[in-house]
């Protein structure tokens, strides 16, 4: 009898565990149900709980007669993009510019949607020459739809003008197109800034503010003002944390400020690196990526400076977007022997791109012997190299 009771007890515990796991899975279930007129081909997305590289294929969503459904588990609130495989709304170029890509990326060529545990989201709309389709079903997505309904038509118009400019060789016509595009760009930024001020409780406002900062479409002063308006009720979410880190980075990377603390094992050999150990020498911090043509083009000159001034200058590379294996193969092949750090994509102390408010690649910082920032340089390193040459003469 005791043996039967024991078996029943074990079964009961197993049943509780099974139900608990099922309930947990149910709570984490995220569903998108969509119908988009004119949509041809399948859709693709990147799952917020998976790690992807630049070469990892995206996950697919099967589309039948413009209808689709995705059911998956997610662990957190995250913005995802649902996109066609370069068909439909994407700006395809049959005439590819020299050194360019075969398409022009525009935000309106994707469907933006917030995934979150337990959410059941509906997407409806039409695939025109852009995705005139928006999500609904919770506060996150209602706020996102509101801003994208405002912005997508303007993004699409700028994308069409970019295509038109690519196809014309007439300088006067190209200048006319560019002026029109600049006017729409200004209108779109003004509209977006006004929207963010009037919708401080929307998580999408935090995402778009971060995007405005990343693209240097607002000044540092504007960014700080807009951030101060955002509701602190959003503080637990990644989009808010990302922009908060960038805003903090504005203050901490101003000329004359002590360089932000970097003590990390995000090195190629896993050993601890502490930037404070470099005091007494000038430091060149170089934010770069193998995917960034201008970054790679300048690295031989960085190497030349590092070798020429090795007694007074230390170079620290901070890579964003490449795997450890790819970085190692690249620097070893080219004999780039200076310290390399890897910026984390997550909101951690190792997300150096956000912490230093890096808004473009390459970005370089020159640090003096006391560990204070002399100047930031975005884009071409010509001015940075010129300043270094003068500093290292003294």
Protein backbone atom coordinates (compact mmCIF):
# COMPACT_ATOMS: atom_id res chain seq x y z
CA UNK A 1 0.00 0.00 0.00
CA UNK A 2 2.85 2.35 0.87
CA UNK A 3 4.41 1.56 -2.51
CA UNK A 4 1.18 2.57 -4.32
CA UNK A 5 1.01 5.82 -2.34
CA UNK A 6 4.60 6.54 -3.25
CA UNK A 7 3.89 5.99 -6.96
CA UNK A 8 0.78 8.19 -6.79
CA UNK A 9 2.76 10.91 -5.01
CA UNK A 10 5.48 10.86 -7.69
CA UNK A 11 2.84 10.99 -10.44
CA UNK A 12 1.11 13.88 -8.68
CA UNK A 13 4.39 15.83 -8.49
CA UNK A 14 5.08 15.09 -12.15
CA UNK A 15 1.58 16.30 -13.08
CA UNK A 16 2.11 19.55 -11.16
CA UNK A 17 5.46 20.04 -12.89
CA UNK A 18 3.89 19.30 -16.30
CA UNK A 19 1.04 21.75 -15.74
CA UNK A 20 3.45 24.36 -14.41
CA UNK A 21 5.67 24.05 -17.49
CA UNK A 22 2.65 24.18 -19.79
CA UNK A 23 1.39 27.29 -18.02
CA UNK A 24 4.82 28.87 -18.32
CA UNK A 25 4.98 28.08 -22.04
CA UNK A 26 1.48 29.45 -22.50
CA UNK A 27 2.44 32.68 -20.72
CA UNK A 28 5.44 33.09 -23.02
CA UNK A 29 3.50 32.40 -26.20
CA UNK A 30 3.57 35.22 -28.72
CA UNK A 31 1.26 35.15 -31.73
CA UNK A 32 1.04 37.29 -34.84
CA UNK A 33 -1.95 36.88 -37.13
CA UNK A 34 -1.75 38.88 -40.32
CA UNK A 35 -3.46 39.69 -43.58
CA UNK A 36 -1.73 41.99 -46.06
CA UNK A 37 -3.26 42.64 -49.46
CA UNK A 38 -0.86 42.34 -52.37
CA UNK A 39 1.75 40.46 -50.35
CA UNK A 40 3.68 37.96 -52.45
CA UNK A 41 6.15 35.41 -51.14
CA UNK A 42 7.00 34.52 -47.57
CA UNK A 43 8.11 36.82 -44.77
CA UNK A 44 11.22 36.61 -42.61
CA UNK A 45 12.26 37.77 -39.14
CA UNK A 46 14.92 37.35 -36.49
CA UNK A 47 13.77 35.84 -33.21
CA UNK A 48 14.57 38.07 -30.20
CA UNK A 49 15.81 35.12 -28.14
CA UNK A 50 18.24 33.77 -30.76
CA UNK A 51 21.79 34.80 -31.54
CA UNK A 52 22.42 35.67 -35.19
CA UNK A 53 25.53 36.62 -37.13
CA UNK A 54 25.59 38.55 -40.40
CA UNK A 55 25.53 35.24 -42.26
CA UNK A 56 22.90 33.43 -40.16
CA UNK A 57 19.68 32.90 -42.17
CA UNK A 58 16.54 34.51 -40.78
CA UNK A 59 13.49 32.55 -39.65
CA UNK A 60 10.59 32.35 -42.08
CA UNK A 61 6.85 32.93 -41.88
CA UNK A 62 4.77 31.10 -44.48
CA UNK A 63 2.35 33.36 -46.36
CA UNK A 64 -0.70 32.00 -48.22
CA UNK A 65 -2.86 34.40 -50.23
CA UNK A 66 -1.56 37.32 -48.18
CA UNK A 67 -2.40 35.63 -44.87
CA UNK A 68 0.04 34.35 -42.28
CA UNK A 69 0.33 33.30 -38.66
CA UNK A 70 3.33 32.99 -36.37
CA UNK A 71 3.24 31.38 -32.95
CA UNK A 72 6.42 31.21 -30.91
CA UNK A 73 7.69 31.64 -27.36
CA UNK A 74 9.48 34.83 -26.35
CA UNK A 75 11.06 35.70 -23.03
CA UNK A 76 10.95 39.49 -23.16
CA UNK A 77 9.54 42.57 -24.85
CA UNK A 78 11.51 43.18 -28.04
CA UNK A 79 11.06 45.07 -31.29
CA UNK A 80 11.31 42.79 -34.32
CA UNK A 81 11.19 43.51 -38.02
CA UNK A 82 9.21 41.34 -40.41
CA UNK A 83 10.42 41.69 -43.97
CA UNK A 84 10.21 40.18 -47.45
CA UNK A 85 13.31 38.66 -48.99
CA UNK A 86 14.06 41.71 -51.13
CA UNK A 87 10.77 41.66 -52.95
CA UNK A 88 7.58 43.70 -52.81
CA UNK A 89 8.10 46.92 -50.86
CA UNK A 90 11.94 46.91 -50.95
CA UNK A 91 13.60 49.49 -53.18
CA UNK A 92 15.31 47.20 -55.69
CA UNK A 93 17.88 48.73 -58.00
CA UNK A 94 18.26 47.22 -61.45
CA UNK A 95 21.12 49.66 -61.97
CA UNK A 96 23.56 49.20 -59.09
CA UNK A 97 25.88 52.14 -58.32
CA UNK A 98 29.60 51.42 -58.28
CA UNK A 99 30.48 50.08 -54.85
CA UNK A 100 26.80 50.14 -53.84
CA UNK A 101 24.13 47.58 -53.02
CA UNK A 102 21.32 46.26 -55.17
CA UNK A 103 18.64 47.84 -53.02
CA UNK A 104 17.95 50.91 -50.93
CA UNK A 105 16.95 50.02 -47.35
CA UNK A 106 14.01 51.97 -45.98
CA UNK A 107 12.14 51.49 -42.71
CA UNK A 108 8.86 51.34 -44.60
CA UNK A 109 10.10 48.19 -46.37
CA UNK A 110 9.57 46.21 -43.16
CA UNK A 111 6.75 45.64 -40.70
CA UNK A 112 7.81 46.66 -37.21
CA UNK A 113 6.16 44.83 -34.34
CA UNK A 114 6.74 44.45 -30.61
CA UNK A 115 6.95 40.84 -29.47
CA UNK A 116 6.16 40.12 -25.83
CA UNK A 117 5.21 37.10 -23.70
CA UNK A 118 1.48 36.37 -23.88
CA UNK A 119 0.72 38.91 -26.61
CA UNK A 120 -1.68 38.17 -29.45
CA UNK A 121 -1.04 40.71 -32.20
CA UNK A 122 -2.89 41.38 -35.43
CA UNK A 123 -1.27 42.95 -38.50
CA UNK A 124 -3.43 44.30 -41.30
CA UNK A 125 -2.75 46.47 -44.29
CA UNK A 126 -1.46 46.49 -47.82
CA UNK A 127 1.84 45.91 -49.59
CA UNK A 128 2.08 48.85 -51.97
CA UNK A 129 5.49 50.13 -52.90
CA UNK A 130 5.97 50.08 -49.11
CA UNK A 131 4.39 48.20 -46.20
CA UNK A 132 1.27 50.19 -45.40
CA UNK A 133 0.60 47.61 -42.69
CA UNK A 134 0.69 48.04 -38.91
CA UNK A 135 0.30 45.97 -35.73
CA UNK A 136 -2.39 46.23 -33.06
CA UNK A 137 -3.38 44.33 -29.95
CA UNK A 138 -1.57 45.93 -27.01
CA UNK A 139 -0.19 49.28 -25.87
CA UNK A 140 3.29 48.56 -27.23
CA UNK A 141 2.05 47.91 -30.76
CA UNK A 142 -0.71 50.51 -30.76
CA UNK A 143 1.95 53.14 -29.99
CA UNK A 144 4.26 51.72 -32.64
CA UNK A 145 1.51 51.74 -35.26
CA UNK A 146 0.67 55.34 -34.46
CA UNK A 147 4.18 56.61 -35.14
CA UNK A 148 4.75 54.39 -38.19
CA UNK A 149 1.48 55.49 -39.84
CA UNK A 150 2.88 59.01 -39.55
CA UNK A 151 6.42 58.21 -40.71
CA UNK A 152 6.18 55.40 -43.27
CA UNK A 153 4.72 57.47 -46.14
CA UNK A 154 7.54 59.99 -45.79
CA UNK A 155 10.23 57.29 -45.54
CA UNK A 156 8.78 55.70 -48.65
CA UNK A 157 8.81 58.97 -50.56
CA UNK A 158 12.48 59.52 -49.68
CA UNK A 159 13.25 55.96 -50.77
CA UNK A 160 11.57 56.51 -54.13
CA UNK A 161 13.52 59.72 -54.62
CA UNK A 162 16.76 57.90 -53.82
CA UNK A 163 15.96 55.35 -56.51
CA UNK A 164 15.11 58.12 -58.98
CA UNK A 165 18.39 59.88 -58.19
CA UNK A 166 20.32 56.66 -58.78
CA UNK A 167 18.78 56.24 -62.23
CA UNK A 168 19.42 59.77 -63.51
CA UNK A 169 22.75 61.04 -64.86
CA UNK A 170 21.47 64.58 -65.34
CA UNK A 171 23.23 66.73 -62.70
CA UNK A 172 20.50 69.39 -62.59
CA UNK A 173 17.80 66.75 -62.22
CA UNK A 174 19.79 64.96 -59.53
CA UNK A 175 20.23 68.21 -57.61
CA UNK A 176 16.49 68.89 -57.84
CA UNK A 177 15.71 65.41 -56.52
CA UNK A 178 18.19 65.79 -53.67
CA UNK A 179 16.70 69.13 -52.62
CA UNK A 180 13.23 67.61 -52.57
CA UNK A 181 14.51 64.68 -50.53
CA UNK A 182 16.21 66.99 -48.04
CA UNK A 183 12.97 68.94 -47.59
CA UNK A 184 11.03 65.74 -46.89
CA UNK A 185 13.77 64.56 -44.54
CA UNK A 186 13.53 67.77 -42.51
CA UNK A 187 9.74 67.51 -42.47
CA UNK A 188 9.93 63.89 -41.28
CA UNK A 189 12.38 64.67 -38.47
CA UNK A 190 10.30 67.63 -37.29
CA UNK A 191 7.16 65.48 -37.34
CA UNK A 192 8.88 62.68 -35.45
CA UNK A 193 10.32 64.99 -32.79
CA UNK A 194 6.88 66.53 -32.26
CA UNK A 195 5.35 63.05 -32.03
CA UNK A 196 7.87 61.94 -29.40
CA UNK A 197 7.12 64.99 -27.27
CA UNK A 198 3.40 64.25 -27.42
CA UNK A 199 3.72 60.48 -26.81
CA UNK A 200 6.14 60.11 -23.88
CA UNK A 201 4.49 56.91 -22.62
CA UNK A 202 4.96 54.93 -25.84
CA UNK A 203 7.87 52.48 -25.88
CA UNK A 204 8.23 53.21 -29.59
CA UNK A 205 9.15 56.79 -28.66
CA UNK A 206 12.24 55.48 -26.87
CA UNK A 207 13.19 53.33 -29.88
CA UNK A 208 12.80 56.20 -32.31
CA UNK A 209 14.77 58.59 -30.10
CA UNK A 210 17.63 56.11 -30.05
CA UNK A 211 17.41 55.89 -33.85
CA UNK A 212 17.44 59.69 -34.20
CA UNK A 213 20.58 59.83 -32.07
CA UNK A 214 22.26 57.00 -33.95
CA UNK A 215 21.68 58.82 -37.25
CA UNK A 216 22.72 62.20 -35.77
CA UNK A 217 19.38 63.65 -36.82
CA UNK A 218 19.04 65.56 -33.54
CA UNK A 219 21.62 67.52 -31.60
CA UNK A 220 22.90 66.29 -28.26
CA UNK A 221 20.87 69.03 -26.57
CA UNK A 222 17.69 67.94 -28.37
CA UNK A 223 18.35 64.31 -27.46
CA UNK A 224 18.73 65.13 -23.77
CA UNK A 225 15.56 67.24 -23.85
CA UNK A 226 13.54 64.50 -25.57
CA UNK A 227 14.86 61.88 -23.19
CA UNK A 228 13.83 63.98 -20.19
CA UNK A 229 10.26 63.90 -21.52
CA UNK A 230 10.09 60.10 -21.78
CA UNK A 231 8.09 58.39 -19.05
CA UNK A 232 10.25 56.60 -16.48
CA UNK A 233 7.58 53.88 -16.49
CA UNK A 234 9.48 52.61 -19.56
CA UNK A 235 12.77 52.31 -17.65
CA UNK A 236 12.63 48.50 -17.40
CA UNK A 237 12.60 48.01 -21.18
CA UNK A 238 15.57 47.62 -23.51
CA UNK A 239 14.61 50.48 -25.85
CA UNK A 240 14.58 52.92 -22.92
CA UNK A 241 17.82 51.51 -21.49
CA UNK A 242 19.57 51.84 -24.85
CA UNK A 243 18.70 55.50 -25.24
CA UNK A 244 19.46 56.18 -21.55
CA UNK A 245 22.95 54.75 -22.02
CA UNK A 246 23.49 56.90 -25.12
CA UNK A 247 22.32 60.05 -23.33
CA UNK A 248 24.69 59.27 -20.47
CA UNK A 249 27.38 58.76 -23.10
CA UNK A 250 26.84 62.32 -24.39
CA UNK A 251 27.86 63.66 -20.98
CA UNK A 252 30.66 61.19 -20.32
CA UNK A 253 32.40 61.56 -23.71
CA UNK A 254 32.41 65.34 -23.99
CA UNK A 255 35.77 66.90 -24.84
CA UNK A 256 37.81 67.29 -21.64
CA UNK A 257 35.94 64.56 -19.75
CA UNK A 258 37.73 61.58 -18.20
CA UNK A 259 37.43 58.65 -20.58
CA UNK A 260 34.60 56.32 -19.44
CA UNK A 261 35.77 53.38 -17.40
CA UNK A 262 36.63 50.28 -19.42
CA UNK A 263 37.52 47.22 -17.40
CA UNK A 264 36.59 44.13 -19.33
CA UNK A 265 37.48 40.64 -20.46
CA UNK A 266 35.79 41.24 -23.84
CA UNK A 267 39.22 40.82 -25.41
CA UNK A 268 40.33 38.33 -28.03
CA UNK A 269 42.29 36.29 -25.48
CA UNK A 270 39.78 36.68 -22.65
CA UNK A 271 42.22 38.50 -20.38
CA UNK A 272 41.22 41.58 -18.39
CA UNK A 273 41.88 44.97 -19.98
CA UNK A 274 41.74 48.17 -17.93
CA UNK A 275 42.01 51.48 -19.77
CA UNK A 276 43.30 53.16 -16.61
CA UNK A 277 46.52 51.16 -17.04
CA UNK A 278 47.32 53.29 -20.10
CA UNK A 279 47.66 56.61 -18.26
CA UNK A 280 50.94 58.29 -19.09
CA UNK A 281 50.54 57.65 -22.83
CA UNK A 282 48.30 59.01 -25.53
CA UNK A 283 45.52 56.59 -26.52
CA UNK A 284 43.71 56.27 -29.83
CA UNK A 285 40.38 54.43 -29.47
CA UNK A 286 39.17 53.24 -32.86
CA UNK A 287 35.56 52.01 -33.25
CA UNK A 288 35.46 49.84 -36.36
CA UNK A 289 34.01 46.77 -38.11
CA UNK A 290 35.23 44.51 -40.90
CA UNK A 291 31.93 45.26 -42.65
CA UNK A 292 32.84 48.99 -42.66
CA UNK A 293 34.84 49.82 -45.80
CA UNK A 294 36.22 53.18 -44.56
CA UNK A 295 37.25 51.58 -41.24
CA UNK A 296 39.26 48.87 -42.98
CA UNK A 297 40.76 51.33 -45.46
CA UNK A 298 42.22 53.42 -42.62
CA UNK A 299 43.70 50.58 -40.60
CA UNK A 300 47.08 50.52 -42.41
CA UNK A 301 47.50 54.16 -41.35
CA UNK A 302 46.48 53.28 -37.79
CA UNK A 303 49.15 50.56 -37.88
CA UNK A 304 51.73 53.06 -39.13
CA UNK A 305 51.00 55.43 -36.22
CA UNK A 306 51.06 52.58 -33.72
CA UNK A 307 54.48 51.41 -34.90
CA UNK A 308 55.97 54.87 -35.37
CA UNK A 309 54.92 56.13 -31.92
CA UNK A 310 54.87 52.88 -29.90
CA UNK A 311 56.62 54.50 -26.93
CA UNK A 312 54.02 57.26 -26.55
CA UNK A 313 50.83 55.97 -28.21
CA UNK A 314 48.57 53.00 -27.48
CA UNK A 315 45.88 51.99 -29.97
CA UNK A 316 42.71 50.28 -28.73
CA UNK A 317 40.35 48.92 -31.37
CA UNK A 318 36.70 48.36 -30.45
CA UNK A 319 34.92 46.14 -32.94
CA UNK A 320 31.17 46.08 -33.42
CA UNK A 321 29.26 43.54 -35.49
CA UNK A 322 31.88 40.85 -36.16
CA UNK A 323 32.48 37.50 -34.48
CA UNK A 324 35.60 36.84 -32.40
CA UNK A 325 36.78 34.28 -34.97
CA UNK A 326 36.37 36.72 -37.85
CA UNK A 327 38.19 39.51 -36.00
CA UNK A 328 41.08 37.20 -35.09
CA UNK A 329 41.46 35.99 -38.67
CA UNK A 330 41.40 39.57 -40.00
CA UNK A 331 43.89 41.12 -37.55
CA UNK A 332 46.27 38.17 -37.76
CA UNK A 333 46.23 38.21 -41.56
CA UNK A 334 47.06 41.94 -41.62
CA UNK A 335 49.38 41.92 -38.61
CA UNK A 336 47.30 44.46 -36.69
CA UNK A 337 48.79 43.78 -33.28
CA UNK A 338 47.07 46.32 -31.05
CA UNK A 339 44.48 45.59 -28.37
CA UNK A 340 41.04 44.63 -29.69
CA UNK A 341 37.82 44.77 -27.65
CA UNK A 342 34.42 43.47 -28.72
CA UNK A 343 31.39 45.66 -28.11
CA UNK A 344 28.38 43.78 -26.73
CA UNK A 345 25.04 44.25 -28.51
CA UNK A 346 23.15 43.87 -25.22
CA UNK A 347 22.76 46.65 -22.68
CA UNK A 348 25.77 45.72 -20.56
CA UNK A 349 28.89 47.64 -19.47
CA UNK A 350 30.57 46.03 -22.50
CA UNK A 351 28.24 47.78 -24.94
CA UNK A 352 30.90 50.36 -25.71
CA UNK A 353 29.06 51.62 -28.80
CA UNK A 354 26.16 52.85 -26.66
CA UNK A 355 28.30 53.93 -23.71
CA UNK A 356 30.46 56.13 -25.95
CA UNK A 357 27.39 57.24 -27.96
CA UNK A 358 29.02 56.11 -31.20
CA UNK A 359 26.85 57.30 -34.07
CA UNK A 360 28.87 56.26 -37.09
CA UNK A 361 31.81 54.15 -38.19
CA UNK A 362 34.66 54.71 -38.03
CA UNK A 363 34.68 56.81 -34.85
CA UNK A 364 37.94 57.69 -33.12
CA UNK A 365 38.71 59.19 -29.73
CA UNK A 366 42.05 60.71 -28.78
CA UNK A 367 42.81 60.41 -25.06
CA UNK A 368 45.58 62.42 -23.40
CA UNK A 369 48.20 61.16 -20.96
CA UNK A 370 45.95 61.97 -17.97
CA UNK A 371 43.15 59.81 -19.33
CA UNK A 372 40.98 62.70 -20.55
CA UNK A 373 39.21 62.89 -23.91
CA UNK A 374 40.80 65.45 -26.21
CA UNK A 375 38.43 65.02 -29.14
CA UNK A 376 36.02 62.70 -30.95
CA UNK A 377 36.27 62.19 -34.72
CA UNK A 378 33.47 60.62 -36.78
CA UNK A 379 34.12 59.40 -40.31
CA UNK A 380 37.45 59.91 -42.02
CA UNK A 381 40.41 59.75 -39.66
CA UNK A 382 42.44 62.37 -41.53
CA UNK A 383 41.87 65.06 -38.89
CA UNK A 384 42.52 62.58 -36.07
CA UNK A 385 45.85 61.54 -37.60
CA UNK A 386 46.83 65.18 -38.11
CA UNK A 387 46.07 66.02 -34.46
CA UNK A 388 47.94 62.94 -33.25
CA UNK A 389 51.01 63.91 -35.26
CA UNK A 390 51.05 67.34 -33.61
CA UNK A 391 50.48 65.94 -30.12
CA UNK A 392 53.15 63.30 -30.44
CA UNK A 393 55.74 65.85 -31.51
CA UNK A 394 55.58 67.49 -28.11
